[in-house]
PDB file of N, CA and C in Angstrom:
ATOM      1  N   VAL A   1      -6.330 -21.923   6.572  1.00  0.00           N
ATOM      2  CA  VAL A   1      -5.219 -21.799   7.538  1.00  0.00           C
ATOM      3  C   VAL A   1      -3.870 -22.277   6.916  1.00  0.00           C
ATOM      4  N   ASP A   2      -4.013 -23.311   6.070  1.00  0.00           N
ATOM      5  CA  ASP A   2      -2.719 -23.892   5.523  1.00  0.00           C
ATOM      6  C   ASP A   2      -2.091 -22.928   4.555  1.00  0.00           C
ATOM      7  N   TRP A   3      -2.877 -22.265   3.708  1.00  0.00           N
ATOM      8  CA  TRP A   3      -2.256 -21.378   2.739  1.00  0.00           C
ATOM      9  C   TRP A   3      -1.790 -20.118   3.449  1.00  0.00           C
ATOM     10  N   CYS A   4      -2.422 -19.684   4.500  1.00  0.00           N
ATOM     11  CA  CYS A   4      -1.959 -18.532   5.246  1.00  0.00           C
ATOM     12  C   CYS A   4      -0.609 -18.829   5.905  1.00  0.00           C
ATOM     13  N   LEU A   5      -0.477 -20.022   6.403  1.00  0.00           N
ATOM     14  CA  LEU A   5       0.811 -20.445   6.950  1.00  0.00           C
ATOM     15  C   LEU A   5       1.906 -20.400   5.874  1.00  0.00           C
ATOM     16  N   GLY A   6       1.590 -20.826   4.689  1.00  0.00           N
ATOM     17  CA  GLY A   6       2.571 -20.766   3.551  1.00  0.00           C
ATOM     18  C   GLY A   6       2.884 -19.347   3.233  1.00  0.00           C
ATOM     19  N   VAL A   7       1.930 -18.465   3.191  1.00  0.00           N
ATOM     20  CA  VAL A   7       2.159 -17.052   2.936  1.00  0.00           C
ATOM     21  C   VAL A   7       3.016 -16.430   3.981  1.00  0.00           C
ATOM     22  N   ALA A   8       2.707 -16.758   5.221  1.00  0.00           N
ATOM     23  CA  ALA A   8       3.548 -16.222   6.349  1.00  0.00           C
ATOM     24  C   ALA A   8       4.998 -16.666   6.257  1.00  0.00           C
ATOM     25  N   LEU A   9       5.179 -17.914   6.126  1.00  0.00           N
ATOM     26  CA  LEU A   9       6.541 -18.458   6.032  1.00  0.00           C
ATOM     27  C   LEU A   9       7.260 -17.968   4.807  1.00  0.00           C
ATOM     28  N   GLY A  10       6.535 -17.888   3.684  1.00  0.00           N
ATOM     29  CA  GLY A  10       7.122 -17.337   2.431  1.00  0.00           C
ATOM     30  C   GLY A  10       7.585 -15.896   2.571  1.00  0.00           C
ATOM     31  N   ALA A  11       6.738 -15.060   3.222  1.00  0.00           N
ATOM     32  CA  ALA A  11       7.078 -13.686   3.466  1.00  0.00           C
ATOM     33  C   ALA A  11       8.327 -13.590   4.372  1.00  0.00           C
ATOM     34  N   MET A  12       8.425 -14.434   5.409  1.00  0.00           N
ATOM     35  CA  MET A  12       9.519 -14.394   6.295  1.00  0.00           C
ATOM     36  C   MET A  12      10.818 -14.850   5.587  1.00  0.00           C
ATOM     37  N   ILE A  13      10.744 -15.860   4.753  1.00  0.00           N
ATOM     38  CA  ILE A  13      11.932 -16.347   4.060  1.00  0.00           C
ATOM     39  C   ILE A  13      12.378 -15.292   3.021  1.00  0.00           C
ATOM     40  N   ILE A  14      11.441 -14.704   2.260  1.00  0.00           N
ATOM     41  CA  ILE A  14      11.841 -13.633   1.355  1.00  0.00           C
ATOM     42  C   ILE A  14      12.451 -12.490   2.078  1.00  0.00           C
ATOM     43  N   GLY A  15      11.895 -12.106   3.227  1.00  0.00           N
ATOM     44  CA  GLY A  15      12.429 -11.070   4.022  1.00  0.00           C
ATOM     45  C   GLY A  15      13.866 -11.326   4.511  1.00  0.00           C
ATOM     46  N   ILE A  16      14.079 -12.562   4.942  1.00  0.00           N
ATOM     47  CA  ILE A  16      15.431 -12.916   5.351  1.00  0.00           C
ATOM     48  C   ILE A  16      16.430 -12.830   4.193  1.00  0.00           C
ATOM     49  N   VAL A  17      15.987 -13.279   3.029  1.00  0.00           N
ATOM     50  CA  VAL A  17      16.880 -13.189   1.813  1.00  0.00           C
ATOM     51  C   VAL A  17      17.189 -11.711   1.496  1.00  0.00           C
ATOM     52  N   PHE A  18      16.129 -10.849   1.579  1.00  0.00           N
ATOM     53  CA  PHE A  18      16.358  -9.448   1.300  1.00  0.00           C
ATOM     54  C   PHE A  18      17.353  -8.854   2.298  1.00  0.00           C
ATOM     55  N   VAL A  19      17.173  -9.110   3.619  1.00  0.00           N
ATOM     56  CA  VAL A  19      18.082  -8.567   4.607  1.00  0.00           C
ATOM     57  C   VAL A  19      19.547  -9.072   4.357  1.00  0.00           C
ATOM     58  N   MET A  20      19.623 -10.374   4.002  1.00  0.00           N
ATOM     59  CA  MET A  20      20.992 -10.890   3.766  1.00  0.00           C
ATOM     60  C   MET A  20      21.577 -10.216   2.533  1.00  0.00           C
ATOM     61  N   LEU A  21      20.861  -9.984   1.493  1.00  0.00           N
ATOM     62  CA  LEU A  21      21.361  -9.285   0.348  1.00  0.00           C
ATOM     63  C   LEU A  21      21.788  -7.868   0.735  1.00  0.00           C
ATOM     64  N   GLY A  22      21.025  -7.191   1.611  1.00  0.00           N
ATOM     65  CA  GLY A  22      21.367  -5.868   1.991  1.00  0.00           C
ATOM     66  C   GLY A  22      22.668  -5.783   2.778  1.00  0.00           C
ATOM     67  N   TYR A  23      23.016  -6.867   3.437  1.00  0.00           N
ATOM     68  CA  TYR A  23      24.239  -6.849   4.254  1.00  0.00           C
ATOM     69  C   TYR A  23      25.439  -7.552   3.589  1.00  0.00           C
ATOM     70  N   ILE A  24      25.152  -8.467   2.644  1.00  0.00           N
ATOM     71  CA  ILE A  24      26.261  -9.208   1.924  1.00  0.00           C
ATOM     72  C   ILE A  24      26.934  -8.368   0.872  1.00  0.00           C
ATOM     73  N   VAL A  25      26.151  -7.593   0.077  1.00  0.00           N
ATOM     74  CA  VAL A  25      26.727  -6.822  -1.042  1.00  0.00           C
ATOM     75  C   VAL A  25      27.576  -5.716  -0.452  1.00  0.00           C
ATOM     76  N   PRO A  26      28.805  -5.574  -0.919  1.00  0.00           N
ATOM     77  CA  PRO A  26      29.722  -4.572  -0.408  1.00  0.00           C
ATOM     78  C   PRO A  26      29.208  -3.161  -0.634  1.00  0.00           C
ATOM     79  N   ARG A  27      29.330  -2.299   0.396  1.00  0.00           N
ATOM     80  CA  ARG A  27      28.813  -0.911   0.370  1.00  0.00           C
ATOM     81  C   ARG A  27      29.849   0.076   0.045  1.00  0.00           C
ATOM     82  N   GLU A  28      31.122  -0.305   0.207  1.00  0.00           N
ATOM     83  CA  GLU A  28      32.241   0.660  -0.014  1.00  0.00           C
ATOM     84  C   GLU A  28      33.109   0.182  -1.142  1.00  0.00           C
ATOM     85  N   TYR A  29      34.000   1.052  -1.621  1.00  0.00           N
ATOM     86  CA  TYR A  29      34.851   0.710  -2.702  1.00  0.00           C
ATOM     87  C   TYR A  29      36.351   1.037  -2.273  1.00  0.00           C
ATOM     88  N   GLU A  30      37.252   0.430  -3.005  1.00  0.00           N
ATOM     89  CA  GLU A  30      38.641   0.721  -2.731  1.00  0.00           C
ATOM     90  C   GLU A  30      39.027   2.050  -3.395  1.00  0.00           C
ATOM     91  N   ARG A  31      39.554   2.945  -2.652  1.00  0.00           N
ATOM     92  CA  ARG A  31      40.013   4.191  -3.230  1.00  0.00           C
ATOM     93  C   ARG A  31      41.334   4.009  -3.930  1.00  0.00           C
ATOM     94  N   ASP A  32      41.390   4.498  -5.159  1.00  0.00           N
ATOM     95  CA  ASP A  32      42.604   4.440  -5.907  1.00  0.00           C
ATOM     96  C   ASP A  32      43.104   5.867  -6.235  1.00  0.00           C
ATOM     97  N   PRO A  33      44.260   6.211  -5.784  1.00  0.00           N
ATOM     98  CA  PRO A  33      44.786   7.614  -5.994  1.00  0.00           C
ATOM     99  C   PRO A  33      45.074   7.907  -7.447  1.00  0.00           C
ATOM    100  N   ASP A  34      45.178   6.891  -8.303  1.00  0.00           N
ATOM    101  CA  ASP A  34      45.495   7.095  -9.707  1.00  0.00           C
ATOM    102  C   ASP A  34      44.312   7.483 -10.595  1.00  0.00           C
ATOM    103  N   ILE A  35      43.145   7.310 -10.031  1.00  0.00           N
ATOM    104  CA  ILE A  35      41.883   7.645 -10.731  1.00  0.00           C
ATOM    105  C   ILE A  35      41.649   9.119 -10.744  1.00  0.00           C
ATOM    106  N   PRO A  36      41.274   9.728 -11.903  1.00  0.00           N
ATOM    107  CA  PRO A  36      41.048  11.185 -11.914  1.00  0.00           C
ATOM    108  C   PRO A  36      39.792  11.575 -11.073  1.00  0.00           C
ATOM    109  N   ALA A  37      39.731  12.799 -10.628  1.00  0.00           N
ATOM    110  CA  ALA A  37      38.688  13.278  -9.690  1.00  0.00           C
ATOM    111  C   ALA A  37      37.306  13.127 -10.301  1.00  0.00           C
ATOM    112  N   ARG A  38      37.115  13.372 -11.600  1.00  0.00           N
ATOM    113  CA  ARG A  38      35.797  13.258 -12.226  1.00  0.00           C
ATOM    114  C   ARG A  38      35.353  11.772 -12.209  1.00  0.00           C
ATOM    115  N   LYS A  39      36.240  10.901 -12.479  1.00  0.00           N
ATOM    116  CA  LYS A  39      35.861   9.468 -12.487  1.00  0.00           C
ATOM    117  C   LYS A  39      35.534   8.995 -11.058  1.00  0.00           C
ATOM    118  N   MET A  40      36.307   9.523 -10.069  1.00  0.00           N
ATOM    119  CA  MET A  40      36.104   9.204  -8.669  1.00  0.00           C
ATOM    120  C   MET A  40      34.711   9.754  -8.217  1.00  0.00           C
ATOM    121  N   GLU A  41      34.347  10.913  -8.698  1.00  0.00           N
ATOM    122  CA  GLU A  41      33.031  11.450  -8.357  1.00  0.00           C
ATOM    123  C   GLU A  41      31.925  10.616  -8.901  1.00  0.00           C
ATOM    124  N   ALA A  42      32.080  10.088 -10.123  1.00  0.00           N
ATOM    125  CA  ALA A  42      31.132   9.215 -10.738  1.00  0.00           C
ATOM    126  C   ALA A  42      30.971   7.924  -9.954  1.00  0.00           C
ATOM    127  N   ILE A  43      32.123   7.396  -9.469  1.00  0.00           N
ATOM    128  CA  ILE A  43      32.137   6.210  -8.679  1.00  0.00           C
ATOM    129  C   ILE A  43      31.380   6.431  -7.374  1.00  0.00           C
ATOM    130  N   GLU A  44      31.611   7.546  -6.729  1.00  0.00           N
ATOM    131  CA  GLU A  44      30.992   7.862  -5.485  1.00  0.00           C
ATOM    132  C   GLU A  44      29.476   8.039  -5.647  1.00  0.00           C
ATOM    133  N   LYS A  45      29.051   8.644  -6.741  1.00  0.00           N
ATOM    134  CA  LYS A  45      27.619   8.770  -7.012  1.00  0.00           C
ATOM    135  C   LYS A  45      26.958   7.384  -7.194  1.00  0.00           C
ATOM    136  N   TYR A  46      27.687   6.502  -7.915  1.00  0.00           N
ATOM    137  CA  TYR A  46      27.192   5.168  -8.100  1.00  0.00           C
ATOM    138  C   TYR A  46      26.997   4.415  -6.795  1.00  0.00           C
ATOM    139  N   TYR A  47      28.042   4.553  -5.935  1.00  0.00           N
ATOM    140  CA  TYR A  47      27.957   3.828  -4.642  1.00  0.00           C
ATOM    141  C   TYR A  47      26.929   4.464  -3.787  1.00  0.00           C
ATOM    142  N   ILE A  48      26.580   5.719  -3.879  1.00  0.00           N
ATOM    143  CA  ILE A  48      25.527   6.293  -3.124  1.00  0.00           C
ATOM    144  C   ILE A  48      24.182   5.696  -3.526  1.00  0.00           C
ATOM    145  N   GLN A  49      24.021   5.483  -4.848  1.00  0.00           N
ATOM    146  CA  GLN A  49      22.813   4.848  -5.340  1.00  0.00           C
ATOM    147  C   GLN A  49      22.702   3.413  -4.863  1.00  0.00           C
ATOM    148  N   VAL A  50      23.871   2.697  -4.925  1.00  0.00           N
ATOM    149  CA  VAL A  50      23.875   1.351  -4.422  1.00  0.00           C
ATOM    150  C   VAL A  50      23.497   1.239  -2.994  1.00  0.00           C
ATOM    151  N   ASN A  51      24.124   2.091  -2.163  1.00  0.00           N
ATOM    152  CA  ASN A  51      23.797   2.137  -0.741  1.00  0.00           C
ATOM    153  C   ASN A  51      22.318   2.428  -0.460  1.00  0.00           C
ATOM    154  N   ASN A  52      21.735   3.340  -1.228  1.00  0.00           N
ATOM    155  CA  ASN A  52      20.295   3.618  -1.061  1.00  0.00           C
ATOM    156  C   ASN A  52      19.441   2.422  -1.405  1.00  0.00           C
ATOM    157  N   ALA A  53      19.781   1.720  -2.479  1.00  0.00           N
ATOM    158  CA  ALA A  53      19.090   0.524  -2.889  1.00  0.00           C
ATOM    159  C   ALA A  53      19.188  -0.557  -1.853  1.00  0.00           C
ATOM    160  N   LEU A  54      20.447  -0.724  -1.294  1.00  0.00           N
ATOM    161  CA  LEU A  54      20.700  -1.767  -0.325  1.00  0.00           C
ATOM    162  C   LEU A  54      19.899  -1.426   1.029  1.00  0.00           C
ATOM    163  N   ASP A  55      19.818  -0.171   1.316  1.00  0.00           N
ATOM    164  CA  ASP A  55      19.021   0.214   2.512  1.00  0.00           C
ATOM    165  C   ASP A  55      17.568  -0.115   2.306  1.00  0.00           C
ATOM    166  N   ALA A  56      17.075   0.155   1.102  1.00  0.00           N
ATOM    167  CA  ALA A  56      15.694  -0.155   0.747  1.00  0.00           C
ATOM    168  C   ALA A  56      15.434  -1.641   0.824  1.00  0.00           C
ATOM    169  N   PHE A  57      16.361  -2.462   0.354  1.00  0.00           N
ATOM    170  CA  PHE A  57      16.241  -3.889   0.431  1.00  0.00           C
ATOM    171  C   PHE A  57      16.155  -4.360   1.881  1.00  0.00           C
ATOM    172  N   THR A  58      17.016  -3.787   2.722  1.00  0.00           N
ATOM    173  CA  THR A  58      17.034  -4.157   4.066  1.00  0.00           C
ATOM    174  C   THR A  58      15.769  -3.797   4.824  1.00  0.00           C
ATOM    175  N   VAL A  59      15.248  -2.595   4.551  1.00  0.00           N
ATOM    176  CA  VAL A  59      13.944  -2.187   5.180  1.00  0.00           C
ATOM    177  C   VAL A  59      12.815  -3.053   4.659  1.00  0.00           C
ATOM    178  N   ALA A  60      12.797  -3.326   3.375  1.00  0.00           N
ATOM    179  CA  ALA A  60      11.745  -4.199   2.816  1.00  0.00           C
ATOM    180  C   ALA A  60      11.858  -5.582   3.418  1.00  0.00           C
ATOM    181  N   GLY A  61      12.997  -6.096   3.581  1.00  0.00           N
ATOM    182  CA  GLY A  61      13.232  -7.427   4.218  1.00  0.00           C
ATOM    183  C   GLY A  61      12.716  -7.454   5.610  1.00  0.00           C
ATOM    184  N   MET A  62      13.073  -6.439   6.350  1.00  0.00           N
ATOM    185  CA  MET A  62      12.591  -6.454   7.759  1.00  0.00           C
ATOM    186  C   MET A  62      11.083  -6.249   7.843  1.00  0.00           C
ATOM    187  N   SER A  63      10.460  -5.533   6.882  1.00  0.00           N
ATOM    188  CA  SER A  63       9.018  -5.378   6.864  1.00  0.00           C
ATOM    189  C   SER A  63       8.355  -6.715   6.521  1.00  0.00           C
ATOM    190  N   LEU A  64       8.985  -7.449   5.535  1.00  0.00           N
ATOM    191  CA  LEU A  64       8.385  -8.751   5.175  1.00  0.00           C
ATOM    192  C   LEU A  64       8.539  -9.738   6.360  1.00  0.00           C
ATOM    193  N   ILE A  65       9.660  -9.692   7.094  1.00  0.00           N
ATOM    194  CA  ILE A  65       9.744 -10.568   8.212  1.00  0.00           C
ATOM    195  C   ILE A  65       8.711 -10.262   9.310  1.00  0.00           C
ATOM    196  N   THR A  66       8.537  -8.969   9.543  1.00  0.00           N
ATOM    197  CA  THR A  66       7.505  -8.572  10.525  1.00  0.00           C
ATOM    198  C   THR A  66       6.098  -8.933  10.083  1.00  0.00           C
ATOM    199  N   LEU A  67       5.805  -8.752   8.822  1.00  0.00           N
ATOM    200  CA  LEU A  67       4.508  -9.115   8.248  1.00  0.00           C
ATOM    201  C   LEU A  67       4.249 -10.591   8.421  1.00  0.00           C
ATOM    202  N   GLY A  68       5.257 -11.371   8.083  1.00  0.00           N
ATOM    203  CA  GLY A  68       5.155 -12.804   8.200  1.00  0.00           C
ATOM    204  C   GLY A  68       4.931 -13.275   9.628  1.00  0.00           C
ATOM    205  N   ALA A  69       5.603 -12.598  10.548  1.00  0.00           N
ATOM    206  CA  ALA A  69       5.522 -12.961  12.029  1.00  0.00           C
ATOM    207  C   ALA A  69       4.118 -12.590  12.497  1.00  0.00           C
ATOM    208  N   VAL A  70       3.539 -11.484  12.088  1.00  0.00           N
ATOM    209  CA  VAL A  70       2.285 -11.068  12.499  1.00  0.00           C
ATOM    210  C   VAL A  70       1.210 -12.005  12.002  1.00  0.00           C
ATOM    211  N   ILE A  71       1.335 -12.399  10.717  1.00  0.00           N
ATOM    212  CA  ILE A  71       0.339 -13.390  10.118  1.00  0.00           C
ATOM    213  C   ILE A  71       0.474 -14.704  10.876  1.00  0.00           C
ATOM    214  N   LEU A  72       1.704 -15.119  11.169  1.00  0.00           N
ATOM    215  CA  LEU A  72       1.904 -16.405  11.871  1.00  0.00           C
ATOM    216  C   LEU A  72       1.364 -16.311  13.294  1.00  0.00           C
ATOM    217  N   ALA A  73       1.470 -15.234  13.956  1.00  0.00           N
ATOM    218  CA  ALA A  73       0.894 -15.070  15.274  1.00  0.00           C
ATOM    219  C   ALA A  73      -0.596 -15.107  15.254  1.00  0.00           C
ATOM    220  N   VAL A  74      -1.231 -14.469  14.230  1.00  0.00           N
ATOM    221  CA  VAL A  74      -2.672 -14.536  14.104  1.00  0.00           C
ATOM    222  C   VAL A  74      -3.147 -15.972  13.848  1.00  0.00           C
ATOM    223  N   ILE A  75      -2.435 -16.654  12.980  1.00  0.00           N
ATOM    224  CA  ILE A  75      -2.768 -18.072  12.718  1.00  0.00           C
ATOM    225  C   ILE A  75      -2.739 -18.921  14.008  1.00  0.00           C
ATOM    226  N   VAL A  76      -1.664 -18.760  14.705  1.00  0.00           N
ATOM    227  CA  VAL A  76      -1.505 -19.544  15.962  1.00  0.00           C
ATOM    228  C   VAL A  76      -2.591 -19.207  16.969  1.00  0.00           C
ATOM    229  N   THR A  77      -2.896 -17.922  17.048  1.00  0.00           N
ATOM    230  CA  THR A  77      -4.014 -17.506  17.994  1.00  0.00           C
ATOM    231  C   THR A  77      -5.335 -18.076  17.589  1.00  0.00           C
ATOM    232  N   VAL A  78      -5.679 -17.975  16.313  1.00  0.00           N
ATOM    233  CA  VAL A  78      -6.951 -18.552  15.794  1.00  0.00           C
ATOM    234  C   VAL A  78      -6.978 -20.046  16.038  1.00  0.00           C
ATOM    235  N   VAL A  79      -5.918 -20.772  15.752  1.00  0.00           N
ATOM    236  CA  VAL A  79      -5.828 -22.216  15.975  1.00  0.00           C
ATOM    237  C   VAL A  79      -6.041 -22.604  17.404  1.00  0.00           C
ATOM    238  N   PHE A  80      -5.387 -21.867  18.323  1.00  0.00           N
ATOM    239  CA  PHE A  80      -5.579 -22.135  19.736  1.00  0.00           C
ATOM    240  C   PHE A  80      -6.975 -21.809  20.211  1.00  0.00           C
ATOM    241  N   CYS A  81      -7.505 -20.707  19.754  1.00  0.00           N
ATOM    242  CA  CYS A  81      -8.852 -20.306  20.183  1.00  0.00           C
ATOM    243  C   CYS A  81      -9.931 -21.235  19.678  1.00  0.00           C
ATOM    244  N   GLU A  82      -9.739 -21.756  18.484  1.00  0.00           N
ATOM    245  CA  GLU A  82     -10.733 -22.681  17.890  1.00  0.00           C
ATOM    246  C   GLU A  82     -10.503 -24.111  18.386  1.00  0.00           C
ATOM    247  N   GLY A  83      -9.363 -24.421  18.837  1.00  0.00           N
ATOM    248  CA  GLY A  83      -9.066 -25.751  19.357  1.00  0.00           C
ATOM    249  C   GLY A  83      -8.710 -26.745  18.236  1.00  0.00           C
ATOM    250  N   GLU A  84      -8.364 -26.217  17.028  1.00  0.00           N
ATOM    251  CA  GLU A  84      -8.001 -27.051  15.943  1.00  0.00           C
ATOM    252  C   GLU A  84      -6.571 -27.501  16.055  1.00  0.00           C
ATOM    253  N   ILE A  85      -6.232 -28.513  15.300  1.00  0.00           N
ATOM    254  CA  ILE A  85      -4.851 -29.015  15.290  1.00  0.00           C
ATOM    255  C   ILE A  85      -4.368 -28.897  13.819  1.00  0.00           C
ATOM    256  N   LEU A  86      -3.182 -28.263  13.653  1.00  0.00           N
ATOM    257  CA  LEU A  86      -2.673 -28.176  12.278  1.00  0.00           C
ATOM    258  C   LEU A  86      -2.405 -29.557  11.754  1.00  0.00           C
TER     259      LEU A  86
END
């Protein structure tokens, strides 16, 4: 039970960090009219990849938070059903 509690809390903390990274990293860039069109297109492609990666981080973080919460709920249910005290 103790190590499961650590796994659940660890998954939730890692999930929170992933979600925070997904929202803290800037997703847009400052448009500069002096940059040539080819360079601007390369910048846009780069930011599309960054946005996709940040979306994946956010989804993975939310999944880890959910997984940790489910494990924690199972632990609490088992503890209450067995009458043990943590």
